[in-house]
N, C-alpha and C. Protein backbone atom coordinates (compact mmCIF):
# COMPACT_ATOMS: atom_id res chain seq x y z
N UNK A 1 0.86 -1.19 0.00
CA UNK A 1 0.00 0.00 0.00
C UNK A 1 0.90 1.24 0.00
N UNK A 2 0.64 2.12 -0.95
CA UNK A 2 1.34 3.41 -1.04
C UNK A 2 0.38 4.52 -0.67
N UNK A 3 0.93 5.62 -0.19
CA UNK A 3 0.14 6.80 0.14
C UNK A 3 0.64 7.96 -0.73
N UNK A 4 -0.31 8.67 -1.31
CA UNK A 4 0.02 9.81 -2.17
C UNK A 4 -0.74 11.03 -1.66
N UNK A 5 0.01 12.05 -1.27
CA UNK A 5 -0.58 13.31 -0.86
C UNK A 5 -0.52 14.31 -2.00
N UNK A 6 -1.58 15.10 -2.14
CA UNK A 6 -1.65 16.12 -3.18
C UNK A 6 -1.97 17.45 -2.52
N UNK A 7 -1.05 18.39 -2.60
CA UNK A 7 -1.22 19.72 -2.00
C UNK A 7 -1.21 20.77 -3.10
N UNK A 8 -2.32 21.46 -3.23
CA UNK A 8 -2.38 22.57 -4.19
C UNK A 8 -1.77 23.80 -3.53
N UNK A 9 -1.04 24.60 -4.29
CA UNK A 9 -0.46 25.83 -3.75
C UNK A 9 -1.55 26.70 -3.15
N UNK A 10 -1.15 27.56 -2.22
CA UNK A 10 -2.10 28.47 -1.56
C UNK A 10 -2.43 29.65 -2.47
N UNK A 11 -3.33 30.50 -1.98
CA UNK A 11 -3.86 31.64 -2.75
C UNK A 11 -2.72 32.56 -3.20
N UNK A 12 -2.62 32.77 -4.50
CA UNK A 12 -1.52 33.57 -5.05
C UNK A 12 -1.84 35.05 -5.07
N UNK A 13 -0.78 35.82 -5.22
CA UNK A 13 -0.86 37.28 -5.21
C UNK A 13 -0.96 37.79 -6.64
N UNK A 14 -2.08 38.39 -6.95
CA UNK A 14 -2.29 38.97 -8.27
C UNK A 14 -2.01 40.46 -8.28
N UNK A 15 -1.46 40.99 -7.17
CA UNK A 15 -1.26 42.42 -7.02
C UNK A 15 -0.17 43.02 -7.90
N UNK A 16 0.81 42.24 -8.28
CA UNK A 16 1.91 42.74 -9.09
C UNK A 16 1.76 42.23 -10.52
N UNK A 17 1.13 43.01 -11.36
CA UNK A 17 0.84 42.57 -12.72
C UNK A 17 2.09 42.50 -13.60
N UNK A 18 3.22 43.00 -13.12
CA UNK A 18 4.46 42.93 -13.89
C UNK A 18 5.12 41.54 -13.82
N UNK A 19 4.68 40.71 -12.88
CA UNK A 19 5.30 39.40 -12.71
C UNK A 19 4.68 38.38 -13.64
N UNK A 20 5.54 37.48 -14.11
CA UNK A 20 5.05 36.33 -14.89
C UNK A 20 4.25 35.42 -13.96
N UNK A 21 3.37 34.62 -14.51
CA UNK A 21 2.59 33.67 -13.72
C UNK A 21 3.50 32.82 -12.84
N UNK A 22 4.59 32.34 -13.39
CA UNK A 22 5.53 31.47 -12.67
C UNK A 22 6.10 32.16 -11.43
N UNK A 23 6.23 33.49 -11.47
CA UNK A 23 6.91 34.25 -10.42
C UNK A 23 5.98 34.82 -9.35
N UNK A 24 4.67 34.61 -9.49
CA UNK A 24 3.74 35.14 -8.49
C UNK A 24 3.90 34.41 -7.17
N UNK A 25 3.92 35.17 -6.08
CA UNK A 25 3.99 34.59 -4.74
C UNK A 25 2.59 34.42 -4.16
N UNK A 26 2.50 34.51 -2.84
CA UNK A 26 1.23 34.35 -2.14
C UNK A 26 0.75 35.69 -1.60
N UNK A 27 -0.55 35.84 -1.46
CA UNK A 27 -1.09 36.99 -0.74
C UNK A 27 -1.20 36.61 0.74
N UNK A 28 -1.68 37.52 1.57
CA UNK A 28 -1.76 37.26 3.02
C UNK A 28 -2.64 36.05 3.31
N UNK A 29 -3.76 35.97 2.62
CA UNK A 29 -4.69 34.84 2.79
C UNK A 29 -3.99 33.52 2.42
N UNK A 30 -3.19 33.56 1.39
CA UNK A 30 -2.45 32.37 0.98
C UNK A 30 -1.41 31.94 2.01
N UNK A 31 -0.68 32.89 2.55
CA UNK A 31 0.30 32.55 3.58
C UNK A 31 -0.38 31.93 4.80
N UNK A 32 -1.53 32.49 5.17
CA UNK A 32 -2.30 31.96 6.30
C UNK A 32 -2.80 30.55 6.00
N UNK A 33 -3.34 30.36 4.80
CA UNK A 33 -3.81 29.04 4.40
C UNK A 33 -2.67 28.02 4.34
N UNK A 34 -1.52 28.43 3.84
CA UNK A 34 -0.36 27.54 3.77
C UNK A 34 0.09 27.09 5.15
N UNK A 35 0.16 28.03 6.10
CA UNK A 35 0.54 27.68 7.48
C UNK A 35 -0.46 26.70 8.09
N UNK A 36 -1.74 26.99 7.91
CA UNK A 36 -2.79 26.17 8.49
C UNK A 36 -2.77 24.75 7.91
N UNK A 37 -2.65 24.63 6.59
CA UNK A 37 -2.62 23.31 5.98
C UNK A 37 -1.35 22.56 6.33
N UNK A 38 -0.25 23.27 6.44
CA UNK A 38 1.00 22.63 6.86
C UNK A 38 0.86 22.00 8.24
N UNK A 39 0.27 22.74 9.17
CA UNK A 39 0.06 22.21 10.51
C UNK A 39 -0.85 20.99 10.46
N UNK A 40 -1.91 21.08 9.64
CA UNK A 40 -2.83 19.95 9.52
C UNK A 40 -2.10 18.71 8.98
N UNK A 41 -1.31 18.88 7.95
CA UNK A 41 -0.59 17.75 7.35
C UNK A 41 0.40 17.17 8.36
N UNK A 42 1.12 18.02 9.06
CA UNK A 42 2.09 17.52 10.06
C UNK A 42 1.39 16.73 11.15
N UNK A 43 0.21 17.18 11.57
CA UNK A 43 -0.49 16.54 12.69
C UNK A 43 -1.35 15.34 12.26
N UNK A 44 -1.79 15.28 11.01
CA UNK A 44 -2.76 14.26 10.60
C UNK A 44 -2.33 13.39 9.44
N UNK A 45 -1.34 13.83 8.70
CA UNK A 45 -0.93 13.06 7.53
C UNK A 45 0.09 12.00 7.91
N UNK A 46 0.44 11.16 6.97
CA UNK A 46 1.51 10.19 7.22
C UNK A 46 2.85 10.93 7.23
N UNK A 47 3.87 10.26 7.62
CA UNK A 47 5.21 10.82 7.50
C UNK A 47 5.65 10.60 6.05
N UNK A 48 5.69 11.67 5.29
CA UNK A 48 6.05 11.56 3.88
C UNK A 48 7.54 11.33 3.73
N UNK A 49 7.88 10.43 2.80
CA UNK A 49 9.28 10.11 2.51
C UNK A 49 9.87 11.04 1.46
N UNK A 50 9.00 11.61 0.63
CA UNK A 50 9.46 12.40 -0.50
C UNK A 50 8.46 13.50 -0.81
N UNK A 51 8.97 14.68 -1.10
CA UNK A 51 8.14 15.82 -1.50
C UNK A 51 8.57 16.24 -2.90
N UNK A 52 7.69 16.05 -3.87
CA UNK A 52 7.93 16.48 -5.25
C UNK A 52 7.14 17.77 -5.46
N UNK A 53 7.77 18.77 -6.07
CA UNK A 53 7.11 20.07 -6.16
C UNK A 53 7.41 20.81 -7.45
N UNK A 54 6.41 21.57 -7.86
CA UNK A 54 6.59 22.52 -8.94
C UNK A 54 7.55 23.61 -8.45
N UNK A 55 8.42 24.12 -9.31
CA UNK A 55 9.32 25.19 -8.89
C UNK A 55 8.72 26.59 -8.95
N UNK A 56 7.42 26.71 -9.24
CA UNK A 56 6.77 28.03 -9.29
C UNK A 56 6.87 28.70 -7.92
N UNK A 57 7.01 30.01 -7.93
CA UNK A 57 7.19 30.76 -6.68
C UNK A 57 6.04 30.53 -5.70
N UNK A 58 4.80 30.45 -6.18
CA UNK A 58 3.68 30.28 -5.26
C UNK A 58 3.70 28.90 -4.59
N UNK A 59 4.26 27.90 -5.25
CA UNK A 59 4.41 26.59 -4.61
C UNK A 59 5.53 26.66 -3.57
N UNK A 60 6.64 27.28 -3.93
CA UNK A 60 7.74 27.43 -2.97
C UNK A 60 7.28 28.19 -1.73
N UNK A 61 6.51 29.26 -1.93
CA UNK A 61 6.02 30.05 -0.80
C UNK A 61 5.02 29.26 0.05
N UNK A 62 4.20 28.45 -0.59
CA UNK A 62 3.28 27.59 0.15
C UNK A 62 4.05 26.62 1.03
N UNK A 63 5.07 25.99 0.46
CA UNK A 63 5.87 25.04 1.23
C UNK A 63 6.63 25.72 2.37
N UNK A 64 7.12 26.94 2.11
CA UNK A 64 7.80 27.69 3.17
C UNK A 64 6.83 27.98 4.32
N UNK A 65 5.61 28.38 3.99
CA UNK A 65 4.60 28.66 5.02
C UNK A 65 4.19 27.38 5.74
N UNK A 66 4.10 26.28 5.02
CA UNK A 66 3.62 25.02 5.59
C UNK A 66 4.62 24.38 6.55
N UNK A 67 5.89 24.63 6.36
CA UNK A 67 6.94 24.09 7.23
C UNK A 67 6.78 22.59 7.46
N UNK A 68 6.81 21.84 6.38
CA UNK A 68 6.58 20.41 6.46
C UNK A 68 7.80 19.60 6.90
N UNK A 69 8.96 20.23 6.92
CA UNK A 69 10.15 19.53 7.38
C UNK A 69 10.76 18.59 6.34
N UNK A 70 10.34 18.72 5.10
CA UNK A 70 10.89 17.93 4.00
C UNK A 70 11.55 18.85 2.99
N UNK A 71 12.68 18.45 2.50
CA UNK A 71 13.34 19.22 1.44
C UNK A 71 12.68 18.86 0.11
N UNK A 72 12.09 19.83 -0.57
CA UNK A 72 11.41 19.50 -1.82
C UNK A 72 12.37 19.13 -2.95
N UNK A 73 11.92 18.23 -3.78
CA UNK A 73 12.60 17.91 -5.03
C UNK A 73 11.78 18.61 -6.10
N UNK A 74 12.34 19.69 -6.64
CA UNK A 74 11.62 20.48 -7.64
C UNK A 74 11.78 19.85 -9.01
N UNK A 75 10.68 19.85 -9.75
CA UNK A 75 10.71 19.32 -11.11
C UNK A 75 9.89 20.27 -11.98
N UNK A 76 10.53 20.85 -12.96
CA UNK A 76 9.90 21.82 -13.86
C UNK A 76 8.64 21.26 -14.52
N UNK A 77 8.62 19.96 -14.74
CA UNK A 77 7.46 19.34 -15.40
C UNK A 77 6.19 19.47 -14.57
N UNK A 78 6.31 19.72 -13.27
CA UNK A 78 5.13 19.83 -12.41
C UNK A 78 4.47 21.20 -12.48
N UNK A 79 5.10 22.17 -13.13
CA UNK A 79 4.50 23.49 -13.29
C UNK A 79 3.33 23.38 -14.26
N UNK A 80 2.12 23.62 -13.76
CA UNK A 80 0.87 23.54 -14.54
C UNK A 80 0.72 22.20 -15.26
N UNK A 81 1.18 21.13 -14.62
CA UNK A 81 1.20 19.80 -15.24
C UNK A 81 -0.18 19.18 -15.33
N UNK A 82 -0.34 18.35 -16.35
CA UNK A 82 -1.54 17.53 -16.48
C UNK A 82 -1.45 16.36 -15.50
N UNK A 83 -2.56 15.69 -15.31
CA UNK A 83 -2.58 14.51 -14.44
C UNK A 83 -1.58 13.47 -14.96
N UNK A 84 -1.52 13.28 -16.26
CA UNK A 84 -0.62 12.29 -16.84
C UNK A 84 0.84 12.62 -16.56
N UNK A 85 1.19 13.91 -16.64
CA UNK A 85 2.56 14.31 -16.37
C UNK A 85 2.90 14.13 -14.89
N UNK A 86 1.97 14.45 -14.01
CA UNK A 86 2.21 14.25 -12.57
C UNK A 86 2.44 12.77 -12.29
N UNK A 87 1.63 11.92 -12.88
CA UNK A 87 1.80 10.47 -12.71
C UNK A 87 3.17 10.04 -13.21
N UNK A 88 3.59 10.56 -14.36
CA UNK A 88 4.92 10.22 -14.89
C UNK A 88 6.03 10.64 -13.93
N UNK A 89 5.95 11.85 -13.39
CA UNK A 89 6.99 12.35 -12.48
C UNK A 89 7.04 11.50 -11.22
N UNK A 90 5.89 11.21 -10.64
CA UNK A 90 5.86 10.38 -9.42
C UNK A 90 6.41 8.99 -9.73
N UNK A 91 5.97 8.38 -10.81
CA UNK A 91 6.45 7.04 -11.17
C UNK A 91 7.96 7.01 -11.35
N UNK A 92 8.49 8.08 -11.94
CA UNK A 92 9.92 8.15 -12.23
C UNK A 92 10.76 8.43 -10.98
N UNK A 93 10.26 9.28 -10.08
CA UNK A 93 11.11 9.79 -8.99
C UNK A 93 10.83 9.20 -7.62
N UNK A 94 9.71 8.50 -7.42
CA UNK A 94 9.33 8.08 -6.07
C UNK A 94 10.18 6.93 -5.53
N UNK A 95 10.78 6.15 -6.41
CA UNK A 95 11.67 5.08 -5.95
C UNK A 95 10.99 4.15 -4.97
N UNK A 96 11.65 3.92 -3.82
CA UNK A 96 11.10 3.00 -2.82
C UNK A 96 10.33 3.71 -1.71
N UNK A 97 9.98 4.97 -1.91
CA UNK A 97 9.20 5.71 -0.91
C UNK A 97 7.84 5.05 -0.71
N UNK A 98 7.38 5.06 0.51
CA UNK A 98 6.04 4.54 0.81
C UNK A 98 4.98 5.64 0.74
N UNK A 99 5.39 6.86 1.06
CA UNK A 99 4.45 7.99 1.08
C UNK A 99 5.08 9.18 0.38
N UNK A 100 4.41 9.67 -0.66
CA UNK A 100 4.92 10.78 -1.47
C UNK A 100 3.90 11.91 -1.43
N UNK A 101 4.41 13.13 -1.28
CA UNK A 101 3.58 14.33 -1.33
C UNK A 101 3.96 15.10 -2.58
N UNK A 102 2.95 15.51 -3.35
CA UNK A 102 3.16 16.33 -4.54
C UNK A 102 2.54 17.70 -4.27
N UNK A 103 3.32 18.75 -4.44
CA UNK A 103 2.83 20.13 -4.30
C UNK A 103 2.87 20.76 -5.68
N UNK A 104 1.69 21.13 -6.18
CA UNK A 104 1.63 21.63 -7.55
C UNK A 104 0.36 22.46 -7.77
N UNK A 105 -0.23 22.31 -8.95
CA UNK A 105 -1.28 23.21 -9.44
C UNK A 105 -2.52 22.45 -9.91
N UNK A 106 -3.58 23.21 -10.05
CA UNK A 106 -4.79 22.71 -10.70
C UNK A 106 -4.78 23.18 -12.14
N UNK A 107 -5.47 22.51 -13.02
CA UNK A 107 -6.41 21.41 -12.78
C UNK A 107 -5.74 20.04 -12.68
N UNK A 108 -4.43 19.96 -12.86
CA UNK A 108 -3.74 18.67 -12.86
C UNK A 108 -3.93 17.85 -11.60
N UNK A 109 -3.84 18.51 -10.42
CA UNK A 109 -3.98 17.75 -9.18
C UNK A 109 -5.38 17.16 -9.04
N UNK A 110 -6.39 17.96 -9.29
CA UNK A 110 -7.76 17.46 -9.17
C UNK A 110 -8.03 16.37 -10.20
N UNK A 111 -7.58 16.58 -11.43
CA UNK A 111 -7.77 15.57 -12.46
C UNK A 111 -7.09 14.25 -12.08
N UNK A 112 -5.89 14.36 -11.50
CA UNK A 112 -5.17 13.16 -11.09
C UNK A 112 -5.93 12.43 -9.99
N UNK A 113 -6.36 13.17 -9.00
CA UNK A 113 -7.10 12.58 -7.90
C UNK A 113 -8.33 11.84 -8.42
N UNK A 114 -9.08 12.49 -9.27
CA UNK A 114 -10.30 11.89 -9.78
C UNK A 114 -10.02 10.67 -10.66
N UNK A 115 -8.89 10.68 -11.35
CA UNK A 115 -8.57 9.55 -12.23
C UNK A 115 -8.05 8.34 -11.46
N UNK A 116 -7.57 8.54 -10.23
CA UNK A 116 -6.99 7.44 -9.47
C UNK A 116 -7.98 6.73 -8.56
N UNK A 117 -9.16 7.29 -8.39
CA UNK A 117 -10.14 6.71 -7.46
C UNK A 117 -11.08 5.77 -8.21
N UNK A 118 -11.18 4.57 -7.68
CA UNK A 118 -12.08 3.57 -8.26
C UNK A 118 -13.53 3.96 -8.00
N UNK A 119 -14.42 3.78 -8.97
CA UNK A 119 -15.83 4.13 -8.77
C UNK A 119 -16.44 3.49 -7.52
N UNK A 120 -16.04 2.26 -7.21
CA UNK A 120 -16.60 1.61 -6.03
C UNK A 120 -15.93 2.06 -4.73
N UNK A 121 -14.94 2.95 -4.82
CA UNK A 121 -14.26 3.46 -3.63
C UNK A 121 -14.51 4.95 -3.43
N UNK A 122 -15.46 5.50 -4.18
CA UNK A 122 -15.83 6.91 -3.98
C UNK A 122 -16.49 7.05 -2.60
N UNK A 123 -16.21 8.18 -1.96
CA UNK A 123 -16.74 8.43 -0.62
C UNK A 123 -17.04 9.92 -0.47
N UNK A 124 -17.31 10.35 0.76
CA UNK A 124 -17.64 11.75 1.00
C UNK A 124 -16.47 12.67 0.62
N UNK A 125 -15.23 12.24 0.87
CA UNK A 125 -14.07 13.04 0.46
C UNK A 125 -14.04 13.21 -1.05
N UNK A 126 -14.31 12.14 -1.76
CA UNK A 126 -14.35 12.20 -3.22
C UNK A 126 -15.42 13.18 -3.68
N UNK A 127 -16.59 13.10 -3.06
CA UNK A 127 -17.70 13.99 -3.43
C UNK A 127 -17.32 15.46 -3.27
N UNK A 128 -16.58 15.78 -2.22
CA UNK A 128 -16.12 17.16 -2.01
C UNK A 128 -15.08 17.56 -3.05
N UNK A 129 -14.13 16.67 -3.33
CA UNK A 129 -13.05 16.97 -4.28
C UNK A 129 -13.57 17.13 -5.71
N UNK A 130 -14.66 16.44 -6.04
CA UNK A 130 -15.25 16.56 -7.37
C UNK A 130 -15.78 17.97 -7.60
N UNK A 131 -16.38 18.54 -6.55
CA UNK A 131 -17.00 19.86 -6.66
C UNK A 131 -15.94 20.93 -6.91
N UNK A 132 -14.89 20.93 -6.09
CA UNK A 132 -13.84 21.94 -6.23
C UNK A 132 -12.61 21.51 -5.43
N UNK A 133 -11.44 21.84 -5.97
CA UNK A 133 -10.16 21.58 -5.31
C UNK A 133 -9.50 22.95 -5.11
N UNK A 134 -9.94 23.70 -4.08
CA UNK A 134 -9.48 25.08 -3.92
C UNK A 134 -7.99 25.19 -3.58
N UNK A 135 -7.50 26.40 -3.63
CA UNK A 135 -6.10 26.65 -3.27
C UNK A 135 -5.85 26.16 -1.84
N UNK A 136 -4.65 25.65 -1.62
CA UNK A 136 -4.16 25.11 -0.35
C UNK A 136 -4.89 23.86 0.11
N UNK A 137 -5.66 23.24 -0.77
CA UNK A 137 -6.34 21.99 -0.40
C UNK A 137 -5.34 20.84 -0.40
N UNK A 138 -5.63 19.86 0.45
CA UNK A 138 -4.78 18.68 0.62
C UNK A 138 -5.64 17.43 0.52
N UNK A 139 -5.21 16.49 -0.29
CA UNK A 139 -5.87 15.20 -0.40
C UNK A 139 -4.84 14.11 -0.13
N UNK A 140 -5.31 13.02 0.47
CA UNK A 140 -4.46 11.86 0.73
C UNK A 140 -5.14 10.64 0.13
N UNK A 141 -4.41 9.96 -0.73
CA UNK A 141 -4.94 8.76 -1.37
C UNK A 141 -4.23 7.52 -0.86
N UNK A 142 -5.02 6.47 -0.64
CA UNK A 142 -4.49 5.15 -0.38
C UNK A 142 -4.50 4.40 -1.70
N UNK A 143 -3.34 3.89 -2.08
CA UNK A 143 -3.20 3.21 -3.37
C UNK A 143 -2.73 1.78 -3.15
N UNK A 144 -3.51 0.80 -3.57
CA UNK A 144 -3.14 -0.60 -3.36
C UNK A 144 -2.11 -1.07 -4.39
N UNK A 145 -0.96 -0.41 -4.37
CA UNK A 145 0.15 -0.77 -5.27
C UNK A 145 1.40 -0.98 -4.44
N UNK A 146 2.31 -1.78 -4.94
CA UNK A 146 3.58 -2.02 -4.26
C UNK A 146 4.72 -1.24 -4.89
N UNK A 147 4.49 -0.76 -6.11
CA UNK A 147 5.53 -0.07 -6.87
C UNK A 147 4.91 1.15 -7.55
N UNK A 148 5.61 2.29 -7.47
CA UNK A 148 5.08 3.52 -8.06
C UNK A 148 4.93 3.41 -9.58
N UNK A 149 5.63 2.48 -10.19
CA UNK A 149 5.48 2.25 -11.62
C UNK A 149 4.08 1.81 -12.00
N UNK A 150 3.34 1.30 -11.02
CA UNK A 150 1.95 0.86 -11.27
C UNK A 150 0.95 1.99 -11.07
N UNK A 151 1.43 3.19 -10.73
CA UNK A 151 0.54 4.33 -10.52
C UNK A 151 -0.18 4.68 -11.82
N UNK A 152 -1.45 4.94 -11.72
CA UNK A 152 -2.21 5.32 -12.90
C UNK A 152 -3.47 4.52 -13.07
N UNK A 153 -3.58 3.40 -12.37
CA UNK A 153 -4.80 2.62 -12.43
C UNK A 153 -5.87 3.27 -11.57
N UNK A 154 -7.09 2.99 -11.89
CA UNK A 154 -8.21 3.57 -11.14
C UNK A 154 -8.56 2.63 -9.99
N UNK A 155 -7.67 2.58 -8.98
CA UNK A 155 -7.86 1.62 -7.91
C UNK A 155 -7.67 2.21 -6.51
N UNK A 156 -7.53 3.53 -6.41
CA UNK A 156 -7.28 4.17 -5.13
C UNK A 156 -8.54 4.60 -4.41
N UNK A 157 -8.33 5.11 -3.20
CA UNK A 157 -9.41 5.68 -2.39
C UNK A 157 -8.88 6.93 -1.70
N UNK A 158 -9.72 7.93 -1.54
CA UNK A 158 -9.32 9.15 -0.84
C UNK A 158 -9.51 8.93 0.66
N UNK A 159 -8.40 8.96 1.38
CA UNK A 159 -8.44 8.76 2.82
C UNK A 159 -8.71 10.07 3.55
N UNK A 160 -8.37 11.20 2.92
CA UNK A 160 -8.57 12.49 3.56
C UNK A 160 -8.64 13.57 2.48
N UNK A 161 -9.45 14.58 2.73
CA UNK A 161 -9.52 15.74 1.87
C UNK A 161 -9.85 16.94 2.75
N UNK A 162 -8.96 17.93 2.76
CA UNK A 162 -9.16 19.12 3.58
C UNK A 162 -8.89 20.37 2.77
N UNK A 163 -9.77 21.35 2.98
CA UNK A 163 -9.61 22.68 2.40
C UNK A 163 -9.32 23.63 3.56
N UNK A 164 -8.68 24.76 3.29
CA UNK A 164 -8.44 25.71 4.38
C UNK A 164 -9.71 26.08 5.14
N UNK A 165 -10.82 26.24 4.42
CA UNK A 165 -12.07 26.64 5.09
C UNK A 165 -12.61 25.56 6.02
N UNK A 166 -12.18 24.30 5.83
CA UNK A 166 -12.59 23.24 6.75
C UNK A 166 -11.93 23.41 8.11
N UNK A 167 -10.80 24.09 8.13
CA UNK A 167 -10.03 24.28 9.36
C UNK A 167 -10.23 25.67 9.95
N UNK A 168 -10.58 26.64 9.11
CA UNK A 168 -10.82 28.01 9.55
C UNK A 168 -11.85 28.63 8.62
N UNK A 169 -13.09 28.80 9.10
CA UNK A 169 -14.15 29.33 8.24
C UNK A 169 -13.81 30.68 7.61
N UNK A 170 -12.94 31.45 8.23
CA UNK A 170 -12.54 32.75 7.65
C UNK A 170 -11.79 32.59 6.34
N UNK A 171 -11.29 31.40 6.08
CA UNK A 171 -10.55 31.13 4.83
C UNK A 171 -11.47 30.55 3.75
N UNK A 172 -12.77 30.64 3.98
CA UNK A 172 -13.74 30.16 3.00
C UNK A 172 -13.88 31.15 1.85
N UNK A 173 -14.75 30.82 0.92
CA UNK A 173 -14.95 31.69 -0.25
C UNK A 173 -15.32 33.11 0.15
N UNK A 174 -14.79 34.07 -0.60
CA UNK A 174 -15.11 35.47 -0.37
C UNK A 174 -16.32 35.82 -1.21
N UNK A 175 -17.34 36.40 -0.59
CA UNK A 175 -18.56 36.76 -1.32
C UNK A 175 -18.35 37.98 -2.18
């Protein structure tokens, strides 16, 4: 059994229109959400063996706020990656890790999550993730595989799904 965590970057800062998308950091709400989700992952998630991450500034800032205690392995392919590319990166780089965390972007993370869950293993977490995978959201999948090379089959189950607003209502949608 392998565990795969998926962390979407926190709320980015759109205030500096001179910056490229890749170079945007986080706004105050994003830094708060990143800290909150980091604490949640540290207290409730498995001990991750490997952290694979997009090198985009907003992902780096999310990880800095989250303070997960893992040194990220940045891979350019994870920047705005499709589900298929994320699966390729994990399969290639996860090695003998039992628990891998991927920090990246949507829609790739949500698409990957939805593609890995078996129809007969859908649950309340799945139902929430189908609706929306907001910034700073974290999902944990249980995958009945022994080798990351087998990643990609529709055989997993979502063990956990948390959004910042689940932990602090003030971080919910802004009207």
